[in-house]
């Protein structure tokens, strides 16, 4: 059974069939799902969805794309949302210098504010980083007490080692099945098994052989099959190890499923 540690079922891509799709997950090999926040409103919506399903949890956070939309009320609202027992992390938060949908100085400010919030509420963080590794790691150096994961990791082994040296985790998506994903697959095959998680980032990044279609948690099987082969282990072993890693990271006990 798989743990999809990062998905976005609050997005409109799932509006037509969300309930039927999610209800099918336990019978499709998916044991747990973590819905990541991208704005205050989406974080609230993610918690509402998670409340309907015993196998779903959520994170509360504002994506760097939406950092410019934060105001003085955002952090207090997030603090309240994080009191929900289904809220298990602050995320996804970080920096994105590829699109620059929010000014970089604003991204850095809001990133720090959310890290401070994670420290206050004692939650792990889910990091989004794109073309901003130096700035992300510099900021994180001021938060050595936090625990986190770099989601959809696409860096090289040197970058991976810097994250692993912090005691953090790395999470990988269907990108490792792409022809252009050889580097990510190589890194994923080298990460210690106890520091590894799997995700879909649904509705994005569908793995081969369903690339180009809307992604969902059932497609973790394709990603896991590719990675298990690269690591020389069975899909079942990889699924179990990453399931346990995710449960430990998000503080999910067996009796809460």
Protein backbone atom coordinates (compact mmCIF):
# COMPACT_ATOMS: atom_id res chain seq x y z
CA UNK A 1 0.00 0.00 0.00
CA UNK A 2 1.32 3.43 -0.97
CA UNK A 3 1.46 6.79 0.78
CA UNK A 4 1.07 9.69 -1.65
CA UNK A 5 2.85 12.29 0.45
CA UNK A 6 2.04 15.27 -1.77
CA UNK A 7 -1.08 15.86 -3.85
CA UNK A 8 -3.50 18.70 -4.59
CA UNK A 9 -7.02 17.27 -4.55
CA UNK A 10 -8.39 20.71 -3.72
CA UNK A 11 -7.57 21.88 -7.27
CA UNK A 12 -10.37 22.33 -9.80
CA UNK A 13 -8.95 19.54 -11.97
CA UNK A 14 -10.74 17.15 -9.59
CA UNK A 15 -14.04 19.01 -9.26
CA UNK A 16 -15.98 16.64 -11.52
CA UNK A 17 -15.09 13.35 -9.84
CA UNK A 18 -13.19 14.11 -6.61
CA UNK A 19 -15.38 12.13 -4.20
CA UNK A 20 -15.65 9.04 -6.37
CA UNK A 21 -11.93 9.07 -7.10
CA UNK A 22 -10.88 9.46 -3.48
CA UNK A 23 -13.33 6.83 -2.30
CA UNK A 24 -11.65 4.37 -4.66
CA UNK A 25 -8.14 4.85 -3.25
CA UNK A 26 -8.06 2.18 -0.51
CA UNK A 27 -9.16 -0.41 -3.05
CA UNK A 28 -6.51 0.79 -5.51
CA UNK A 29 -3.45 0.25 -3.35
CA UNK A 30 -3.29 3.71 -1.80
CA UNK A 31 -3.21 3.67 1.99
CA UNK A 32 -2.60 7.34 2.81
CA UNK A 33 -2.67 10.74 1.07
CA UNK A 34 -1.34 14.11 2.20
CA UNK A 35 -2.95 17.11 0.52
CA UNK A 36 -0.49 20.01 0.33
CA UNK A 37 -1.59 23.62 0.70
CA UNK A 38 -0.82 26.28 -1.89
CA UNK A 39 -2.72 29.27 -0.45
CA UNK A 40 -4.67 29.97 2.70
CA UNK A 41 -7.94 29.23 0.93
CA UNK A 42 -6.63 26.05 -0.69
CA UNK A 43 -5.23 24.92 2.66
CA UNK A 44 -8.68 25.35 4.19
CA UNK A 45 -10.23 23.43 1.31
CA UNK A 46 -7.64 20.66 1.69
CA UNK A 47 -8.57 20.21 5.33
CA UNK A 48 -12.26 20.07 4.43
CA UNK A 49 -11.56 17.29 1.94
CA UNK A 50 -9.31 15.43 4.37
CA UNK A 51 -12.06 15.48 6.98
CA UNK A 52 -14.18 13.24 4.74
CA UNK A 53 -11.63 10.42 4.49
CA UNK A 54 -9.83 8.63 7.33
CA UNK A 55 -6.80 8.03 5.08
CA UNK A 56 -6.32 11.68 4.13
CA UNK A 57 -4.34 14.40 5.88
CA UNK A 58 -3.33 17.91 4.87
CA UNK A 59 -0.62 20.54 5.06
CA UNK A 60 -1.20 24.28 5.48
CA UNK A 61 0.97 26.66 3.52
CA UNK A 62 1.30 29.32 0.85
CA UNK A 63 3.24 28.42 -2.29
CA UNK A 64 5.87 30.96 -3.42
CA UNK A 65 3.75 31.69 -6.49
CA UNK A 66 1.09 33.06 -4.14
CA UNK A 67 3.43 34.79 -1.68
CA UNK A 68 2.45 38.25 -2.97
CA UNK A 69 -1.14 37.51 -2.00
CA UNK A 70 -0.31 37.09 1.67
CA UNK A 71 -1.20 39.91 4.04
CA UNK A 72 -1.18 40.63 7.77
CA UNK A 73 -4.04 38.20 8.32
CA UNK A 74 -2.50 35.22 6.55
CA UNK A 75 -0.28 33.88 9.31
CA UNK A 76 -3.01 34.14 11.99
CA UNK A 77 -5.41 32.29 9.67
CA UNK A 78 -2.83 29.59 9.03
CA UNK A 79 -2.14 29.28 12.75
CA UNK A 80 -5.83 28.53 13.32
CA UNK A 81 -5.95 26.00 10.49
CA UNK A 82 -2.91 24.22 11.90
CA UNK A 83 -4.86 23.47 15.09
CA UNK A 84 -6.92 20.98 13.06
CA UNK A 85 -5.81 17.41 13.96
CA UNK A 86 -5.69 16.58 10.25
CA UNK A 87 -3.07 19.32 9.65
CA UNK A 88 0.29 17.57 9.80
CA UNK A 89 2.78 20.00 8.20
CA UNK A 90 3.41 23.53 6.99
CA UNK A 91 3.66 23.50 3.22
CA UNK A 92 4.24 23.71 0.51
CA UNK A 93 6.44 26.71 1.12
CA UNK A 94 9.71 27.92 -0.34
CA UNK A 95 11.11 29.85 -3.29
CA UNK A 96 10.51 29.63 -7.03
CA UNK A 97 12.82 31.73 -9.21
CA UNK A 98 11.77 30.03 -12.46
CA UNK A 99 8.43 31.79 -12.89
CA UNK A 100 8.79 34.66 -10.39
CA UNK A 101 5.02 34.98 -10.03
CA UNK A 102 5.78 36.80 -6.79
CA UNK A 103 8.75 39.19 -6.37
CA UNK A 104 11.77 37.40 -4.97
CA UNK A 105 12.10 39.63 -1.92
CA UNK A 106 8.44 38.96 -1.09
CA UNK A 107 8.96 35.22 -1.56
CA UNK A 108 11.88 35.27 0.88
CA UNK A 109 9.93 37.28 3.45
CA UNK A 110 6.87 35.03 3.33
CA UNK A 111 9.05 31.91 3.38
CA UNK A 112 10.69 33.07 6.61
CA UNK A 113 7.33 33.93 8.16
CA UNK A 114 6.00 30.46 7.44
CA UNK A 115 9.14 28.80 8.79
CA UNK A 116 8.68 30.80 11.97
CA UNK A 117 5.11 29.55 12.12
CA UNK A 118 6.26 25.94 11.69
CA UNK A 119 8.70 26.45 14.55
CA UNK A 120 5.92 27.89 16.71
CA UNK A 121 3.46 25.06 16.07
CA UNK A 122 6.15 22.37 16.00
CA UNK A 123 5.24 20.96 12.59
CA UNK A 124 7.52 19.67 9.82
CA UNK A 125 7.81 21.66 6.61
CA UNK A 126 7.32 20.75 2.95
CA UNK A 127 9.72 22.70 0.75
CA UNK A 128 9.16 23.83 -2.83
CA UNK A 129 12.41 24.90 -4.49
CA UNK A 130 12.99 25.77 -8.12
CA UNK A 131 16.15 27.49 -9.33
CA UNK A 132 16.58 28.92 -5.83
CA UNK A 133 18.58 26.28 -3.96
CA UNK A 134 21.24 28.64 -2.58
CA UNK A 135 18.70 31.07 -1.14
CA UNK A 136 16.47 28.30 0.24
CA UNK A 137 19.34 26.60 2.05
CA UNK A 138 20.69 29.90 3.32
CA UNK A 139 17.33 30.74 4.87
CA UNK A 140 16.94 27.23 6.28
CA UNK A 141 20.30 27.61 8.02
CA UNK A 142 18.48 29.92 10.46
CA UNK A 143 15.96 27.19 11.25
CA UNK A 144 18.16 24.26 12.19
CA UNK A 145 15.58 23.03 14.69
CA UNK A 146 13.00 22.32 11.95
CA UNK A 147 12.47 19.00 10.20
CA UNK A 148 11.39 18.87 6.58
CA UNK A 149 11.24 17.36 3.13
CA UNK A 150 12.15 18.76 -0.28
CA UNK A 151 9.20 17.75 -2.42
CA UNK A 152 9.51 16.85 -6.11
CA UNK A 153 13.27 16.92 -5.74
CA UNK A 154 15.11 17.43 -9.03
CA UNK A 155 18.60 18.48 -7.93
CA UNK A 156 21.88 16.63 -8.32
CA UNK A 157 23.56 14.39 -5.75
CA UNK A 158 25.60 17.23 -4.25
CA UNK A 159 22.40 19.15 -3.52
CA UNK A 160 20.72 15.99 -2.23
CA UNK A 161 23.59 15.32 0.15
CA UNK A 162 23.32 18.82 1.63
CA UNK A 163 19.67 18.13 2.42
CA UNK A 164 20.36 14.67 3.76
CA UNK A 165 23.15 16.05 5.96
CA UNK A 166 20.48 18.18 7.65
CA UNK A 167 18.63 15.03 8.56
CA UNK A 168 15.83 15.87 6.14
CA UNK A 169 14.02 13.76 3.56
CA UNK A 170 13.67 13.86 -0.21
CA UNK A 171 10.49 13.09 -2.12
CA UNK A 172 10.23 12.05 -5.76
CA UNK A 173 7.50 12.16 -8.39
CA UNK A 174 6.74 10.63 -11.77
CA UNK A 175 9.58 12.76 -13.19
CA UNK A 176 11.88 9.81 -12.51
CA UNK A 177 10.05 7.88 -15.25
CA UNK A 178 10.60 10.58 -17.90
CA UNK A 179 13.31 10.36 -20.54
CA UNK A 180 14.52 13.68 -19.15
CA UNK A 181 14.42 12.36 -15.58
CA UNK A 182 17.60 10.27 -15.58
CA UNK A 183 19.33 12.53 -13.07
CA UNK A 184 16.39 12.43 -10.67
CA UNK A 185 16.18 8.66 -10.98
CA UNK A 186 19.89 8.31 -10.23
CA UNK A 187 19.60 10.51 -7.14
CA UNK A 188 16.46 8.71 -5.95
CA UNK A 189 18.23 5.37 -6.30
CA UNK A 190 21.04 6.59 -4.02
CA UNK A 191 19.02 8.21 -1.23
CA UNK A 192 19.05 6.08 1.96
CA UNK A 193 15.81 4.14 2.06
CA UNK A 194 14.79 5.64 5.41
CA UNK A 195 15.03 9.18 4.02
CA UNK A 196 12.89 8.63 0.94
CA UNK A 197 9.25 9.43 0.18
CA UNK A 198 7.05 9.10 -2.91
CA UNK A 199 4.46 11.53 -4.22
CA UNK A 200 2.40 12.31 -7.29
CA UNK A 201 2.04 16.11 -7.05
CA UNK A 202 -1.38 15.41 -8.56
CA UNK A 203 -2.86 16.60 -10.83
CA UNK A 204 0.61 17.26 -12.31
CA UNK A 205 3.60 15.16 -13.39
CA UNK A 206 1.87 11.96 -14.44
CA UNK A 207 4.43 9.19 -14.85
CA UNK A 208 5.06 7.14 -17.95
CA UNK A 209 2.94 5.37 -19.29
CA UNK A 210 0.15 7.86 -18.44
CA UNK A 211 2.15 11.03 -19.03
CA UNK A 212 0.01 13.84 -20.42
CA UNK A 213 -3.09 12.76 -18.52
CA UNK A 214 -4.36 14.08 -15.22
CA UNK A 215 -2.37 12.50 -12.43
CA UNK A 216 -3.76 10.88 -9.28
CA UNK A 217 -2.47 8.79 -6.41
CA UNK A 218 -3.08 5.44 -8.11
CA UNK A 219 -0.21 6.25 -10.46
CA UNK A 220 2.33 5.93 -7.67
CA UNK A 221 2.61 2.32 -8.78
CA UNK A 222 4.33 3.39 -12.02
CA UNK A 223 6.79 5.64 -10.20
CA UNK A 224 7.52 3.02 -7.57
CA UNK A 225 8.04 0.31 -10.19
CA UNK A 226 10.69 2.42 -11.93
CA UNK A 227 12.47 3.28 -8.71
CA UNK A 228 12.32 -0.21 -7.26
CA UNK A 229 13.97 -1.56 -10.40
CA UNK A 230 16.72 1.07 -10.15
CA UNK A 231 17.32 0.23 -6.49
CA UNK A 232 17.21 -3.52 -7.04
CA UNK A 233 14.36 -4.16 -4.60
CA UNK A 234 10.74 -5.21 -4.93
CA UNK A 235 7.92 -2.74 -5.41
CA UNK A 236 6.34 -4.12 -2.26
CA UNK A 237 9.43 -3.37 -0.18
CA UNK A 238 9.70 0.15 -1.58
CA UNK A 239 6.01 0.79 -0.95
CA UNK A 240 6.26 -0.39 2.65
CA UNK A 241 9.45 1.53 3.43
CA UNK A 242 8.17 4.80 1.99
CA UNK A 243 4.79 4.30 3.66
CA UNK A 244 6.48 3.99 7.04
CA UNK A 245 8.76 6.97 6.31
CA UNK A 246 5.76 9.13 5.50
CA UNK A 247 3.82 8.03 8.57
CA UNK A 248 6.79 8.83 10.79
CA UNK A 249 7.43 12.19 9.12
CA UNK A 250 3.80 13.34 9.41
CA UNK A 251 3.19 11.76 12.82
CA UNK A 252 0.49 9.37 11.65
CA UNK A 253 -0.14 6.36 13.89
CA UNK A 254 -1.54 3.03 12.72
CA UNK A 255 -4.74 3.46 14.71
CA UNK A 256 -5.54 6.76 12.94
CA UNK A 257 -6.02 5.12 9.53
